[in-house]
Every structure is written in structure tokens, then in C-alpha cells.
Amino acid sequence: MGREKIIKAQIEGGKASTAPPLGPALADLGLNVSEVIQKINEMTKSLEGHRVTVKIIVDLETKNYRIDVKLPTTTCLLLKAVGADKPTGNPAQQKLGDLSLEKIIEIAIIKKKELTAKSLKAAVKTILGSAHSLGIMVEGKEPKRVIKEIEQGLYDDLLLKYENKWKER
């Protein structure tokens, strides 16, 4: 690539628009604005309801571009899922809420690119660890107990239901 220009924007997943600041910035660089916006929305559709940072890296000579999406943090995803603005500061004493294991699995799938987990099961256990540290219950239980139950195979059928979504990411 030759000289590059980077456009950064905060958008809600799946809802980028041609309105300022993104539309005019892309137009100024001579890009097909609706095409770029459509690609951003395709890439961020699964993050609807979440604010994400999008970087469009443009080669000024060839007008080629690539789009990088920075995912919300696991903490942000978990807090939003329980409807909290911030952690309690004392997760052992004060519980923020209760999530279904399916919600934990959805968050694991969203975060796949940034997790080192090689399997959906390992990724879910990672997200459960974060839920534990925030004081979020899962299925009415402490997340550490749910991790043990996953290791015992209690949720294999549920995990299998999401295996294809995991592989698609």
C-alpha cells in the first residue's frame, strides 16, 4: 500500500450511515460511500445494540480500503446483558444480575476473534470467568459452578446447538 489515511468512527453495530462524520469523510477520499457503509453494517450486524469502533484504512493512491472492527470488551458485553452501567466493586457480596447460559454462549461467539480459546466450550468458560469476577450469576448459579457442570458435560447439547455459529466466525 502507498500512503494511507485512516478514518475512525464509533457506531452502533449494524447501523452505520452515510450521515456525518462517516459519509463525508469517505466521500472526501473518493470512495463509494454506500458500498463502504454496507460492508461495515454487514461486518457489525451481530453487534447490534453495542457501540463499536470501526477503522477504515484507505490507500490514497489505489482507493483500496480495509475495515477493522474493534469489538466491545467482554465486561461491556456482560454489563449490557444484565442492564448494568458498571461493576458493583464487590462481586462476592453484591450480585449484578443473572444471565442464561445461552447469553454467555452468544457473548463467547461475538468475542471469538479476540479469545485464545480453541473451542466454544473453552470460550464459554472464559466468559463465565469474567461473569464471576463481575458478580453475575448464570442460570441462577455461581459461574464457577457452571464451569464445573460444563466440564462434566451437562451442557453439551446446548453447546452443540451453537457449534456451527462458533465455526462460522
C-alpha atoms as a PDB file:
ATOM      1  CA  MET A   1       0.000   0.000   0.000  1.00  0.00           C
ATOM      2  CA  GLY A   2       1.059   3.537  -0.676  1.00  0.00           C
ATOM      3  CA  ARG A   3       0.087   6.478   1.511  1.00  0.00           C
ATOM      4  CA  GLU A   4      -2.733   5.648   3.869  1.00  0.00           C
ATOM      5  CA  LYS A   5      -5.485   7.578   5.538  1.00  0.00           C
ATOM      6  CA  ILE A   6      -7.360   6.122   8.494  1.00  0.00           C
ATOM      7  CA  ILE A   7     -10.923   7.064   9.312  1.00  0.00           C
ATOM      8  CA  LYS A   8     -12.081   6.084  12.781  1.00  0.00           C
ATOM      9  CA  ALA A   9     -15.691   6.162  13.910  1.00  0.00           C
ATOM     10  CA  GLN A  10     -17.834   4.924  16.771  1.00  0.00           C
ATOM     11  CA  ILE A  11     -21.041   3.337  15.512  1.00  0.00           C
ATOM     12  CA  GLU A  12     -23.791   1.134  16.794  1.00  0.00           C
ATOM     13  CA  GLY A  13     -23.373  -2.342  15.359  1.00  0.00           C
ATOM     14  CA  GLY A  14     -25.200  -2.744  12.042  1.00  0.00           C
ATOM     15  CA  LYS A  15     -26.285   0.912  11.997  1.00  0.00           C
ATOM     16  CA  ALA A  16     -23.520   2.862  10.247  1.00  0.00           C
ATOM     17  CA  SER A  17     -24.964   5.527   7.972  1.00  0.00           C
ATOM     18  CA  THR A  18     -23.878   7.933   5.266  1.00  0.00           C
ATOM     19  CA  ALA A  19     -24.546  10.832   7.651  1.00  0.00           C
ATOM     20  CA  PRO A  20     -21.630  12.807   9.104  1.00  0.00           C
ATOM     21  CA  PRO A  21     -18.988  12.112  10.182  1.00  0.00           C
ATOM     22  CA  LEU A  22     -18.569   8.868   8.233  1.00  0.00           C
ATOM     23  CA  GLY A  23     -20.286   9.700   4.910  1.00  0.00           C
ATOM     24  CA  PRO A  24     -18.485  12.978   4.177  1.00  0.00           C
ATOM     25  CA  ALA A  25     -15.107  11.589   5.313  1.00  0.00           C
ATOM     26  CA  LEU A  26     -15.447   8.623   2.934  1.00  0.00           C
ATOM     27  CA  ALA A  27     -16.686  10.843   0.089  1.00  0.00           C
ATOM     28  CA  ASP A  28     -13.720  13.210   0.555  1.00  0.00           C
ATOM     29  CA  LEU A  29     -11.424  10.249  -0.133  1.00  0.00           C
ATOM     30  CA  GLY A  30     -13.299   9.360  -3.317  1.00  0.00           C
ATOM     31  CA  LEU A  31     -14.770   6.115  -2.019  1.00  0.00           C
ATOM     32  CA  ASN A  32     -18.179   4.635  -2.839  1.00  0.00           C
ATOM     33  CA  VAL A  33     -19.825   5.701   0.425  1.00  0.00           C
ATOM     34  CA  SER A  34     -22.857   3.399   0.301  1.00  0.00           C
ATOM     35  CA  GLU A  35     -20.655   0.379  -0.539  1.00  0.00           C
ATOM     36  CA  VAL A  36     -18.339   1.040   2.430  1.00  0.00           C
ATOM     37  CA  ILE A  37     -21.298   1.649   4.785  1.00  0.00           C
ATOM     38  CA  GLN A  38     -22.953  -1.566   3.588  1.00  0.00           C
ATOM     39  CA  LYS A  39     -19.766  -3.563   4.275  1.00  0.00           C
ATOM     40  CA  ILE A  40     -19.426  -2.014   7.745  1.00  0.00           C
ATOM     41  CA  ASN A  41     -23.038  -2.911   8.536  1.00  0.00           C
ATOM     42  CA  GLU A  42     -22.554  -6.488   7.321  1.00  0.00           C
ATOM     43  CA  MET A  43     -19.430  -6.831   9.483  1.00  0.00           C
ATOM     44  CA  THR A  44     -21.116  -5.374  12.572  1.00  0.00           C
ATOM     45  CA  LYS A  45     -24.657  -6.777  12.247  1.00  0.00           C
ATOM     46  CA  SER A  46     -24.062  -9.338  15.006  1.00  0.00           C
ATOM     47  CA  LEU A  47     -23.102  -6.454  17.329  1.00  0.00           C
ATOM     48  CA  GLU A  48     -26.451  -4.644  17.112  1.00  0.00           C
ATOM     49  CA  GLY A  49     -27.111  -2.693  20.284  1.00  0.00           C
ATOM     50  CA  HIS A  50     -23.392  -2.317  21.012  1.00  0.00           C
ATOM     51  CA  ARG A  51     -21.090   0.603  20.248  1.00  0.00           C
ATOM     52  CA  VAL A  52     -18.046  -0.464  18.274  1.00  0.00           C
ATOM     53  CA  THR A  53     -15.033   1.340  16.899  1.00  0.00           C
ATOM     54  CA  VAL A  54     -14.588   0.981  13.158  1.00  0.00           C
ATOM     55  CA  LYS A  55     -11.371   1.866  11.329  1.00  0.00           C
ATOM     56  CA  ILE A  56     -11.367   2.260   7.581  1.00  0.00           C
ATOM     57  CA  ILE A  57      -7.799   2.170   6.265  1.00  0.00           C
ATOM     58  CA  VAL A  58      -7.652   3.688   2.784  1.00  0.00           C
ATOM     59  CA  ASP A  59      -4.803   3.553   0.296  1.00  0.00           C
ATOM     60  CA  LEU A  60      -4.881   7.076  -1.140  1.00  0.00           C
ATOM     61  CA  GLU A  61      -3.365   6.029  -4.467  1.00  0.00           C
ATOM     62  CA  THR A  62      -5.390   2.925  -5.324  1.00  0.00           C
ATOM     63  CA  LYS A  63      -8.531   3.780  -3.295  1.00  0.00           C
ATOM     64  CA  ASN A  64      -8.424   0.239  -1.907  1.00  0.00           C
ATOM     65  CA  TYR A  65      -9.557   0.003   1.683  1.00  0.00           C
ATOM     66  CA  ARG A  66      -9.952  -2.436   4.517  1.00  0.00           C
ATOM     67  CA  ILE A  67     -12.224  -2.260   7.521  1.00  0.00           C
ATOM     68  CA  ASP A  68     -11.190  -3.202  11.050  1.00  0.00           C
ATOM     69  CA  VAL A  69     -13.815  -3.575  13.761  1.00  0.00           C
ATOM     70  CA  LYS A  70     -12.819  -3.291  17.413  1.00  0.00           C
ATOM     71  CA  LEU A  71     -15.181  -5.416  19.471  1.00  0.00           C
ATOM     72  CA  PRO A  72     -16.680  -4.211  22.740  1.00  0.00           C
ATOM     73  CA  THR A  73     -14.900  -5.625  25.798  1.00  0.00           C
ATOM     74  CA  THR A  74     -16.224  -8.771  27.451  1.00  0.00           C
ATOM     75  CA  THR A  75     -17.012  -6.668  30.515  1.00  0.00           C
ATOM     76  CA  CYS A  76     -19.088  -4.226  28.427  1.00  0.00           C
ATOM     77  CA  LEU A  77     -20.992  -7.084  26.769  1.00  0.00           C
ATOM     78  CA  LEU A  78     -21.733  -8.732  30.129  1.00  0.00           C
ATOM     79  CA  LEU A  79     -22.754  -5.481  31.822  1.00  0.00           C
ATOM     80  CA  LYS A  80     -25.077  -4.594  28.940  1.00  0.00           C
ATOM     81  CA  ALA A  81     -26.596  -8.090  29.072  1.00  0.00           C
ATOM     82  CA  VAL A  82     -27.574  -7.629  32.734  1.00  0.00           C
ATOM     83  CA  GLY A  83     -28.566  -3.994  32.231  1.00  0.00           C
ATOM     84  CA  ALA A  84     -25.813  -2.559  34.440  1.00  0.00           C
ATOM     85  CA  ASP A  85     -23.674   0.519  33.783  1.00  0.00           C
ATOM     86  CA  LYS A  86     -20.718  -0.544  35.883  1.00  0.00           C
ATOM     87  CA  PRO A  87     -19.480  -3.404  38.093  1.00  0.00           C
ATOM     88  CA  THR A  88     -20.527  -3.484  41.742  1.00  0.00           C
ATOM     89  CA  GLY A  89     -16.979  -3.297  43.082  1.00  0.00           C
ATOM     90  CA  ASN A  90     -17.830  -6.159  45.451  1.00  0.00           C
ATOM     91  CA  PRO A  91     -18.888  -9.166  43.356  1.00  0.00           C
ATOM     92  CA  ALA A  92     -18.703 -11.595  46.296  1.00  0.00           C
ATOM     93  CA  GLN A  93     -21.368  -9.677  48.225  1.00  0.00           C
ATOM     94  CA  GLN A  94     -23.439  -7.911  45.591  1.00  0.00           C
ATOM     95  CA  LYS A  95     -24.756  -9.693  42.512  1.00  0.00           C
ATOM     96  CA  LEU A  96     -25.394  -7.661  39.367  1.00  0.00           C
ATOM     97  CA  GLY A  97     -27.880  -9.997  37.800  1.00  0.00           C
ATOM     98  CA  ASP A  98     -28.455 -13.406  36.304  1.00  0.00           C
ATOM     99  CA  LEU A  99     -27.864 -14.454  32.700  1.00  0.00           C
ATOM    100  CA  SER A 100     -28.804 -17.552  30.772  1.00  0.00           C
ATOM    101  CA  LEU A 101     -26.009 -19.792  29.605  1.00  0.00           C
ATOM    102  CA  GLU A 102     -27.251 -19.077  26.061  1.00  0.00           C
ATOM    103  CA  LYS A 103     -26.445 -15.374  26.562  1.00  0.00           C
ATOM    104  CA  ILE A 104     -22.938 -16.345  27.746  1.00  0.00           C
ATOM    105  CA  ILE A 105     -22.545 -18.514  24.631  1.00  0.00           C
ATOM    106  CA  GLU A 106     -23.650 -15.606  22.391  1.00  0.00           C
ATOM    107  CA  ILE A 107     -21.029 -13.349  24.001  1.00  0.00           C
ATOM    108  CA  ALA A 108     -18.369 -16.044  23.530  1.00  0.00           C
ATOM    109  CA  ILE A 109     -19.271 -16.244  19.824  1.00  0.00           C
ATOM    110  CA  ILE A 110     -19.087 -12.439  19.448  1.00  0.00           C
ATOM    111  CA  LYS A 111     -15.646 -12.403  21.116  1.00  0.00           C
ATOM    112  CA  LYS A 112     -14.222 -15.398  19.210  1.00  0.00           C
ATOM    113  CA  LYS A 113     -11.718 -13.314  17.204  1.00  0.00           C
ATOM    114  CA  GLU A 114     -10.143 -11.903  20.362  1.00  0.00           C
ATOM    115  CA  LEU A 115     -10.154 -15.037  22.532  1.00  0.00           C
ATOM    116  CA  THR A 116      -7.346 -17.570  22.549  1.00  0.00           C
ATOM    117  CA  ALA A 117      -9.859 -20.376  23.132  1.00  0.00           C
ATOM    118  CA  LYS A 118      -9.697 -23.141  20.543  1.00  0.00           C
ATOM    119  CA  SER A 119     -13.240 -24.402  21.179  1.00  0.00           C
ATOM    120  CA  LEU A 120     -16.656 -22.979  22.003  1.00  0.00           C
ATOM    121  CA  LYS A 121     -16.582 -24.808  25.336  1.00  0.00           C
ATOM    122  CA  ALA A 122     -13.260 -23.170  26.298  1.00  0.00           C
ATOM    123  CA  ALA A 123     -14.510 -19.746  25.165  1.00  0.00           C
ATOM    124  CA  VAL A 124     -17.698 -20.080  27.230  1.00  0.00           C
ATOM    125  CA  LYS A 125     -15.620 -20.974  30.296  1.00  0.00           C
ATOM    126  CA  THR A 126     -13.516 -17.831  29.718  1.00  0.00           C
ATOM    127  CA  ILE A 127     -16.655 -15.652  29.559  1.00  0.00           C
ATOM    128  CA  LEU A 128     -18.012 -17.386  32.679  1.00  0.00           C
ATOM    129  CA  GLY A 129     -14.790 -16.436  34.478  1.00  0.00           C
ATOM    130  CA  SER A 130     -15.411 -12.795  33.576  1.00  0.00           C
ATOM    131  CA  ALA A 131     -19.043 -13.068  34.712  1.00  0.00           C
ATOM    132  CA  HIS A 132     -17.823 -14.443  38.051  1.00  0.00           C
ATOM    133  CA  SER A 133     -15.427 -11.532  38.571  1.00  0.00           C
ATOM    134  CA  LEU A 134     -18.285  -9.074  37.882  1.00  0.00           C
ATOM    135  CA  GLY A 135     -20.734 -10.741  40.249  1.00  0.00           C
ATOM    136  CA  ILE A 136     -23.053 -12.032  37.532  1.00  0.00           C
ATOM    137  CA  MET A 137     -24.913 -15.263  38.179  1.00  0.00           C
ATOM    138  CA  VAL A 138     -25.592 -17.712  35.352  1.00  0.00           C
ATOM    139  CA  GLU A 139     -28.683 -19.911  35.360  1.00  0.00           C
ATOM    140  CA  GLY A 140     -29.142 -18.842  38.998  1.00  0.00           C
ATOM    141  CA  LYS A 141     -25.744 -20.277  39.970  1.00  0.00           C
ATOM    142  CA  GLU A 142     -22.224 -19.055  40.598  1.00  0.00           C
ATOM    143  CA  PRO A 143     -20.368 -19.103  37.251  1.00  0.00           C
ATOM    144  CA  LYS A 144     -17.624 -21.317  38.743  1.00  0.00           C
ATOM    145  CA  ARG A 145     -20.277 -23.980  39.392  1.00  0.00           C
ATOM    146  CA  VAL A 146     -21.499 -23.678  35.788  1.00  0.00           C
ATOM    147  CA  ILE A 147     -17.879 -24.146  34.602  1.00  0.00           C
ATOM    148  CA  LYS A 148     -17.708 -27.420  36.591  1.00  0.00           C
ATOM    149  CA  GLU A 149     -21.037 -28.520  35.121  1.00  0.00           C
ATOM    150  CA  ILE A 150     -19.748 -27.763  31.597  1.00  0.00           C
ATOM    151  CA  GLU A 151     -16.655 -29.855  32.316  1.00  0.00           C
ATOM    152  CA  GLN A 152     -18.979 -32.683  33.452  1.00  0.00           C
ATOM    153  CA  GLY A 153     -20.829 -32.466  30.112  1.00  0.00           C
ATOM    154  CA  LEU A 154     -24.143 -31.173  31.499  1.00  0.00           C
ATOM    155  CA  TYR A 155     -24.497 -28.557  28.745  1.00  0.00           C
ATOM    156  CA  ASP A 156     -23.066 -30.492  25.784  1.00  0.00           C
ATOM    157  CA  ASP A 157     -26.413 -30.472  23.913  1.00  0.00           C
ATOM    158  CA  LEU A 158     -26.775 -26.695  24.303  1.00  0.00           C
ATOM    159  CA  LEU A 159     -23.169 -26.089  23.222  1.00  0.00           C
ATOM    160  CA  LEU A 160     -23.645 -28.369  20.220  1.00  0.00           C
ATOM    161  CA  LYS A 161     -26.613 -26.215  19.141  1.00  0.00           C
ATOM    162  CA  TYR A 162     -24.225 -23.225  18.798  1.00  0.00           C
ATOM    163  CA  GLU A 163     -21.212 -25.075  17.375  1.00  0.00           C
ATOM    164  CA  ASN A 164     -21.932 -24.002  13.771  1.00  0.00           C
ATOM    165  CA  LYS A 165     -22.205 -20.307  14.728  1.00  0.00           C
ATOM    166  CA  TRP A 166     -18.844 -20.674  16.501  1.00  0.00           C
ATOM    167  CA  LYS A 167     -17.244 -22.205  13.406  1.00  0.00           C
ATOM    168  CA  GLU A 168     -18.672 -19.519  11.090  1.00  0.00           C
ATOM    169  CA  ARG A 169     -16.955 -16.672  12.963  1.00  0.00           C
END
